[in-house]
Protein backbone atom coordinates (compact mmCIF):
# COMPACT_ATOMS: atom_id res chain seq x y z
CA MET A 1 2.00 8.53 -2.88
CA ILE A 2 -0.61 11.10 -1.82
CA PRO A 3 0.78 13.06 1.16
CA SER A 4 -1.16 13.32 4.39
CA LEU A 5 -2.89 16.56 5.29
CA PRO A 6 -0.66 18.91 7.30
CA ASN A 7 -2.65 18.42 10.51
CA ALA A 8 -2.95 14.65 10.11
CA VAL A 9 -1.20 12.59 12.77
CA SER A 10 -0.09 8.98 12.81
CA THR A 11 -2.07 6.73 15.11
CA ALA A 12 1.17 5.04 16.14
CA SER A 13 3.14 8.13 17.15
CA GLN A 14 0.94 11.08 18.16
CA GLY A 15 -2.02 11.67 20.39
CA THR A 16 -4.37 14.27 21.84
CA ALA A 17 -4.75 15.87 25.23
CA GLN A 18 -8.20 14.39 25.70
CA THR A 19 -8.06 11.27 27.87
CA LEU A 20 -10.25 8.22 27.61
CA ASN A 21 -11.90 9.01 30.95
CA GLN A 22 -12.92 12.41 29.64
CA LEU A 23 -14.36 10.76 26.56
CA ARG A 24 -16.46 8.38 28.61
CA THR A 25 -18.04 11.28 30.48
CA SER A 26 -18.78 13.29 27.33
CA VAL A 27 -19.79 10.55 24.87
CA ASP A 28 -22.29 7.70 25.11
CA THR A 29 -19.99 4.77 25.94
CA SER A 30 -22.36 2.36 24.22
CA ARG A 31 -21.16 3.86 20.94
CA LEU A 32 -17.38 3.82 21.58
CA LEU A 33 -15.15 1.26 19.88
CA GLU A 34 -11.57 1.00 21.15
CA ALA A 35 -8.76 -0.34 18.98
CA LEU A 36 -7.22 -3.44 20.56
CA SER A 37 -4.65 -3.83 17.80
CA GLN A 38 -3.57 -1.98 14.68
CA PRO A 39 -1.04 -2.57 11.87
CA ASP A 40 2.63 -1.59 12.13
CA SER A 41 2.21 0.96 9.35
CA ALA A 42 -1.06 2.51 10.48
CA PRO A 43 -2.80 5.01 8.17
CA SER A 44 -2.97 8.67 9.14
CA LEU A 45 -6.08 9.55 11.15
CA MET A 46 -7.37 12.83 12.60
CA VAL A 47 -9.62 13.46 15.58
CA GLY A 48 -13.06 14.26 14.20
CA GLU A 49 -12.42 12.42 10.92
CA LEU A 50 -15.39 10.49 9.54
CA LEU A 51 -14.59 7.20 7.85
CA THR A 52 -16.07 3.89 6.78
CA ALA A 53 -14.91 0.54 8.18
CA LYS A 54 -15.55 -2.80 6.51
CA VAL A 55 -16.14 -5.71 8.90
CA ALA A 56 -13.73 -8.48 7.92
CA ASP A 57 -14.50 -10.93 10.74
CA GLN A 58 -16.35 -11.29 14.05
CA LEU A 59 -13.77 -12.70 16.45
CA GLY A 60 -15.96 -13.41 19.47
CA ASN A 61 -15.72 -11.76 22.90
CA ASN A 62 -17.28 -8.62 21.34
CA GLN A 63 -14.27 -8.12 19.09
CA LEU A 64 -14.30 -7.21 15.40
CA ALA A 65 -11.63 -7.31 12.72
CA VAL A 66 -12.26 -4.35 10.40
CA LEU A 67 -10.55 -2.77 7.42
CA ILE A 68 -9.99 0.99 7.76
CA LYS A 69 -8.23 2.67 4.84
CA ASN A 70 -7.19 -0.81 3.69
CA ALA A 71 -5.45 -1.51 7.02
CA LEU A 72 -6.63 -4.15 9.49
CA PHE A 73 -7.70 -3.13 13.02
CA THR A 74 -9.20 -5.15 15.86
CA LEU A 75 -11.94 -3.19 17.65
CA SER A 76 -13.71 -3.84 20.94
CA LEU A 77 -17.48 -3.70 20.46
CA PRO A 78 -19.64 -2.47 23.38
CA GLN A 79 -21.89 -5.05 25.01
CA GLY A 80 -25.33 -5.30 23.43
CA THR A 81 -24.44 -3.39 20.27
CA HIS A 82 -26.20 -4.68 17.19
CA LEU A 83 -24.34 -4.33 13.88
CA PRO A 84 -26.76 -3.00 11.26
CA SER A 85 -24.56 -4.23 8.39
CA ASP A 86 -21.01 -5.27 7.53
CA THR A 87 -20.09 -1.61 6.99
CA LEU A 88 -19.64 0.78 9.93
CA ASN A 89 -19.65 4.57 9.83
CA LEU A 90 -17.13 5.74 12.40
CA LYS A 91 -15.77 8.98 13.79
CA VAL A 92 -12.29 9.27 15.29
CA VAL A 93 -12.71 10.64 18.82
CA SER A 94 -9.32 9.88 20.39
CA LEU A 95 -5.83 8.93 19.21
CA SER A 96 -4.17 8.60 22.62
CA PRO A 97 -3.81 6.86 25.01
CA THR A 98 -6.11 4.50 23.06
CA LEU A 99 -7.29 4.88 19.48
CA THR A 100 -11.07 5.19 19.88
CA PHE A 101 -13.92 5.51 17.39
CA GLN A 102 -17.54 6.52 17.83
CA LEU A 103 -20.21 4.53 15.99
CA GLN A 104 -22.20 6.97 13.89
CA ASP A 105 -25.01 4.80 12.58
CA GLY A 106 -27.05 4.03 15.61
CA GLY A 107 -24.91 2.59 18.42
CA LYS A 108 -27.31 0.42 20.38
CA GLU A 109 -30.22 -0.60 18.25
CA THR A 110 -33.21 -2.79 18.73
CA PRO A 111 -32.24 -6.26 17.47
CA PRO A 112 -34.36 -7.61 14.64
CA PRO A 113 -36.99 -10.26 15.41
CA GLN A 114 -35.43 -13.64 16.01
CA ASP A 115 -37.15 -15.25 13.03
CA SER A 116 -35.58 -12.67 10.70
CA SER A 117 -32.07 -12.70 12.17
CA VAL A 118 -29.24 -14.16 10.15
CA ALA A 119 -26.28 -15.98 11.64
CA VAL A 120 -23.10 -14.57 10.10
CA LYS A 121 -20.15 -16.86 9.60
CA LEU A 122 -17.16 -15.41 7.81
CA SER A 123 -15.61 -17.44 5.02
CA THR A 124 -12.39 -19.41 5.37
CA ALA A 125 -10.68 -16.90 3.08
CA SER A 126 -11.77 -14.02 5.32
CA ARG A 127 -10.38 -15.72 8.43
CA TYR A 128 -7.21 -16.49 6.49
CA LEU A 129 -6.69 -12.82 5.55
CA THR A 130 -7.55 -11.66 9.06
CA THR A 131 -4.85 -13.90 10.49
CA LEU A 132 -2.30 -12.71 7.95
CA LEU A 133 -2.89 -9.00 8.42
CA SER A 134 -3.00 -9.18 12.23
CA THR A 135 0.18 -11.26 12.68
CA PRO A 136 2.46 -9.08 14.85
CA ARG A 137 6.06 -8.28 13.93
CA GLU A 138 8.45 -9.10 16.73
CA GLY A 139 12.02 -8.35 17.66
CA ALA A 140 14.44 -5.61 16.59
CA ASN A 141 13.37 -5.76 12.95
CA ALA A 142 9.72 -4.83 13.64
CA ALA A 143 10.14 -1.12 12.90
CA GLU A 144 12.23 -1.84 9.84
CA ALA A 145 9.66 -4.33 8.57
CA GLY A 146 6.88 -1.77 8.96
CA ALA A 147 8.92 0.91 7.20
CA THR A 148 9.71 -1.26 4.18
CA ALA A 149 6.45 -3.19 3.96
CA LYS A 150 5.26 -1.15 0.99
CA HIS A 151 8.49 -1.54 -1.02
CA LEU A 152 9.21 -4.50 -3.24
CA PRO A 153 12.79 -5.68 -3.81
CA LEU A 154 14.38 -4.36 -6.98
CA GLN A 155 16.78 -6.56 -8.94
CA LEU A 156 18.54 -4.64 -11.71
CA ASP A 157 22.10 -4.07 -12.88
CA ALA A 158 22.26 -0.98 -15.08
CA GLY A 159 26.04 -1.22 -15.18
CA GLU A 160 26.04 -4.58 -16.99
CA HIS A 161 22.93 -4.68 -19.17
CA PRO A 162 21.63 -2.49 -22.03
CA PRO A 163 18.38 -0.49 -21.57
CA GLU A 164 16.29 -3.03 -23.51
CA GLN A 165 17.31 -5.83 -21.17
CA LEU A 166 16.79 -3.62 -18.10
CA ALA A 167 13.25 -2.83 -19.27
CA LYS A 168 12.49 -6.55 -19.62
CA GLN A 169 13.97 -7.24 -16.16
CA LEU A 170 11.89 -4.48 -14.58
CA GLN A 171 8.78 -5.86 -16.29
CA LEU A 172 9.64 -9.29 -14.88
CA ASN A 173 10.09 -7.77 -11.40
CA VAL A 174 6.57 -6.36 -11.57
CA LYS A 175 5.02 -9.57 -12.90
CA GLN A 176 6.72 -11.78 -10.31
CA SER A 177 6.24 -9.40 -7.37
CA GLY A 178 3.19 -11.31 -6.10
CA LEU A 179 0.90 -8.27 -6.44
CA PHE A 180 -0.97 -9.90 -9.31
CA TYR A 181 -0.80 -13.51 -8.15
CA GLU A 182 -4.55 -14.11 -8.03
CA SER A 183 -5.00 -12.62 -11.53
CA HIS A 184 -2.22 -14.85 -12.79
CA LEU A 185 -3.91 -17.88 -11.19
CA LYS A 186 -7.08 -17.03 -13.10
CA ASP A 187 -5.11 -16.62 -16.34
CA PHE A 188 -3.34 -19.92 -15.70
CA SER A 189 -6.68 -21.71 -15.27
CA ASN A 190 -7.68 -20.31 -18.66
CA GLY A 191 -4.41 -21.38 -20.27
CA LEU A 192 -3.10 -17.80 -20.55
CA HIS A 193 -0.25 -17.84 -18.01
CA PRO A 194 2.66 -20.32 -17.93
CA LEU A 195 2.95 -22.52 -14.85
CA GLU A 196 6.71 -22.00 -14.63
CA GLN A 197 6.25 -18.23 -14.32
CA LEU A 198 3.55 -18.72 -11.70
CA LYS A 199 5.96 -20.83 -9.61
CA GLN A 200 8.39 -17.90 -9.46
CA GLU A 201 6.00 -15.68 -7.48
CA PRO A 202 6.41 -15.42 -3.68
CA GLN A 203 3.02 -16.97 -2.82
CA ALA A 204 3.78 -20.10 -4.82
CA LYS A 205 6.97 -20.67 -2.81
CA LEU A 206 5.20 -20.67 0.56
CA THR A 207 3.78 -23.78 2.22
CA LEU A 208 1.05 -22.19 4.33
CA THR A 209 -2.30 -23.97 4.68
CA MET A 210 -5.34 -23.34 6.86
CA GLN A 211 -4.22 -26.23 9.06
CA ALA A 212 -0.83 -24.57 9.46
CA LEU A 213 -2.56 -21.32 10.44
CA ASP A 214 -4.69 -23.09 13.04
CA GLU A 215 -1.56 -24.70 14.49
CA GLY A 216 0.52 -21.55 14.22
CA GLN A 217 1.02 -21.19 17.95
CA LYS A 218 2.51 -24.68 18.11
CA ASN A 219 4.85 -24.12 15.17
CA ASN A 220 5.80 -20.47 15.58
CA ASN A 221 9.35 -20.89 14.28
CA VAL A 222 8.10 -22.49 11.08
CA VAL A 223 4.80 -20.72 10.40
CA LYS A 224 5.24 -17.16 11.70
CA PRO A 225 7.97 -16.04 9.23
CA GLN A 226 5.78 -17.20 6.36
CA LEU A 227 2.73 -15.53 7.89
CA GLN A 228 4.63 -12.26 8.15
CA GLU A 229 5.89 -12.47 4.58
CA LEU A 230 2.46 -13.26 3.20
CA GLY A 231 0.91 -10.58 5.40
CA HIS A 232 3.30 -8.03 3.84
CA LEU A 233 2.22 -9.17 0.37
CA VAL A 234 -1.48 -8.85 1.18
CA GLN A 235 -0.96 -5.36 2.62
CA ARG A 236 0.96 -4.36 -0.52
CA GLN A 237 -1.90 -5.64 -2.65
CA LEU A 238 -4.40 -3.58 -0.64
CA ASP A 239 -2.18 -0.50 -0.92
CA GLY A 240 -1.82 -1.08 -4.65
CA LEU A 241 -5.59 -1.30 -5.11
CA GLU A 242 -6.12 1.93 -3.21
CA GLN A 243 -3.18 3.99 -4.52
CA ARG A 244 -2.65 2.31 -7.94
CA THR A 245 1.02 2.41 -7.06
CA VAL A 246 3.90 -0.06 -7.04
CA GLN A 247 7.05 0.89 -5.10
CA PHE A 248 10.45 -0.70 -5.47
CA GLN A 249 13.63 -0.38 -3.46
CA GLY A 250 16.96 -2.01 -4.19
CA LEU A 251 20.19 -1.69 -6.14
CA ALA A 252 20.31 -0.23 -9.65
CA TRP A 253 23.79 -1.74 -9.81
CA PRO A 254 26.15 -3.04 -7.10
CA GLY A 255 26.48 -0.40 -4.40
CA GLN A 256 23.92 1.99 -5.90
CA LEU A 257 20.70 2.28 -3.90
CA MET A 258 17.62 3.31 -5.87
CA GLU A 259 13.94 3.85 -5.14
CA MET A 260 11.30 3.66 -7.85
CA GLN A 261 7.56 4.24 -7.87
CA ILE A 262 5.15 3.40 -10.70
CA GLN A 263 1.68 4.92 -10.48
CA GLN A 264 -1.37 5.02 -12.72
CA GLU A 265 -3.22 8.33 -12.64
CA PRO A 266 -7.03 8.34 -12.27
CA MET A 267 -8.81 8.45 -15.60
CA GLU A 268 -10.10 11.82 -16.77
CA ASN A 269 -12.67 12.40 -19.48
CA GLU A 270 -10.59 15.08 -21.20
CA ARG A 271 -7.79 12.60 -21.94
CA GLN A 272 -9.45 10.65 -24.73
CA GLY A 273 -8.28 8.74 -27.74
CA ASP A 274 -9.92 8.58 -31.16
CA GLY A 275 -12.32 5.92 -29.89
CA GLN A 276 -13.55 8.22 -27.09
CA GLU A 277 -11.77 6.04 -24.55
CA ASP A 278 -9.59 7.35 -21.75
CA ILE A 279 -5.87 7.14 -22.42
CA PRO A 280 -4.00 5.53 -19.48
CA VAL A 281 -1.50 7.88 -17.87
CA TRP A 282 1.49 6.45 -16.01
CA ASN A 283 3.95 8.20 -13.72
CA THR A 284 7.32 6.73 -12.85
CA SER A 285 9.45 8.39 -10.17
CA LEU A 286 13.09 7.51 -9.59
CA SER A 287 15.44 8.74 -6.87
CA LEU A 288 19.11 7.94 -6.36
CA ALA A 289 22.39 9.52 -5.26
CA LEU A 290 25.12 9.17 -7.89
CA PRO A 291 28.83 9.31 -6.95
CA ALA A 292 29.75 12.03 -9.48
CA LEU A 293 26.41 13.80 -10.02
CA GLY A 294 25.01 13.80 -6.49
CA GLY A 295 21.39 13.32 -5.45
CA MET A 296 18.85 13.27 -8.25
CA GLY A 297 15.14 12.65 -8.75
CA VAL A 298 13.48 11.91 -12.09
CA ARG A 299 9.76 11.85 -12.88
CA VAL A 300 8.54 10.41 -16.18
CA ARG A 301 4.90 10.92 -17.20
CA LEU A 302 3.68 8.76 -20.08
CA VAL A 303 0.45 9.69 -21.92
CA GLY A 304 0.01 7.41 -24.90
CA GLN A 305 3.22 7.84 -26.89
CA SER A 306 4.05 11.24 -25.39
CA VAL A 307 6.54 11.56 -22.55
CA GLN A 308 7.11 14.39 -20.10
CA VAL A 309 10.35 14.24 -18.11
CA SER A 310 11.36 16.35 -15.13
CA PHE A 311 14.71 16.24 -13.34
CA LYS A 312 15.55 17.60 -9.90
CA ALA A 313 19.22 17.59 -8.96
CA ASP A 314 21.02 18.58 -5.78
CA ASP A 315 23.91 20.11 -7.76
CA GLU A 316 23.41 23.02 -10.19
CA ASP A 317 26.30 21.71 -12.33
CA THR A 318 24.36 18.46 -12.75
CA SER A 319 21.29 20.42 -13.84
CA GLN A 320 23.36 22.24 -16.46
CA LEU A 321 24.81 18.95 -17.70
CA ILE A 322 21.32 17.50 -18.18
CA ARG A 323 20.23 20.56 -20.18
CA GLN A 324 23.30 20.30 -22.41
CA HIS A 325 22.44 16.71 -23.32
CA ALA A 326 18.68 17.20 -23.79
CA ALA A 327 19.02 16.45 -27.51
CA ARG A 328 20.38 12.98 -26.76
CA LEU A 329 17.36 12.27 -24.57
CA ARG A 330 15.00 13.46 -27.33
CA ASP A 331 16.77 11.29 -29.93
CA GLY A 332 16.60 8.27 -27.64
CA MET A 333 12.88 8.79 -27.14
CA GLU A 334 12.28 9.01 -30.89
CA ALA A 335 14.28 5.83 -31.47
CA ALA A 336 11.93 4.08 -29.04
CA GLY A 337 8.85 5.39 -30.87
CA LEU A 338 8.07 8.05 -28.24
CA THR A 339 7.76 11.82 -28.37
CA LEU A 340 9.45 13.99 -25.76
CA ALA A 341 6.59 16.41 -25.09
CA GLY A 342 8.31 18.28 -22.29
CA LEU A 343 11.58 18.48 -20.36
CA ALA A 344 12.03 20.34 -17.10
CA VAL A 345 15.26 20.58 -15.12
CA SER A 346 15.49 22.23 -11.70
CA GLN A 347 17.51 22.18 -8.52
CA ASN A 348 16.19 20.68 -5.30
CA GLU A 349 15.06 23.50 -3.01
CA SER A 350 16.62 21.89 0.07
CA ALA A 351 19.96 21.61 -1.73
CA ALA A 352 19.84 25.18 -2.98
CA GLU A 353 19.38 26.68 0.50
């Protein structure tokens, strides 16, 4: 994932010395939008940062549901403010005690003539997504749910299955993660995706309907867990679209925790094939702590049929062991039809200190 800038602060944990009262005396209040709610895993924001918000829904009572950095916020709109479009240009003016934005594209504006005004009614799908992404997490597991919302469960057993079978299982994990459910629905309608595989995805196992959403307050014990699960999936889909990244967390084999990240790099014109088309570049990062070898991170970069591998180990003896067996890695790559274009082995800086 792309790290935040050093001076970026989380909207959920840090603030500024400037109070809201000070803001109201220094800024035109008719242009201030306060955040009434924000997601558990809020994106990093900085005071003075300029950003674009997409209006997802108008909730009534001068409240808006907007998407900021692919995260859903509910904002309080000043009385009499006319929205020029469904896209707002905002500036972050305060992080604490209340996250507050300043409208940059006009604030109060003269409303258009009545005969040219258009009544906006958000689609059912928009209201559906708004409900999902704004469903609060409750209880002791709220922080844990926010921390793991971006990770998908990993189901592998490297101790029992050969590499070929593990590769197929990982591919199945990705396909059935729910991240591509809508694409699979489209393929199914065109006869390109089996129904049985579609039924294995998380969305297909839920029983949520618009009626269930409307009656959610009456059936909290039944509906809310499904709302939270589906909300997690939608947020993962939004993160995947923005970052082109899929993250997994689980057991590589019984008792062995592992984290994996698969990311597609942005296309660059200089990476071209014979047909003058960009060659997709994929990065896979793996981190785990092995009983005998200690903590280790591996990064694999695939460009066409060429592979670059870099290891970072906590233990220098482990680094030496990897170097000694580099030929086995190269032979294994060749057997799979790949070329080992580069191998780097180093020790983690934190471990070396």
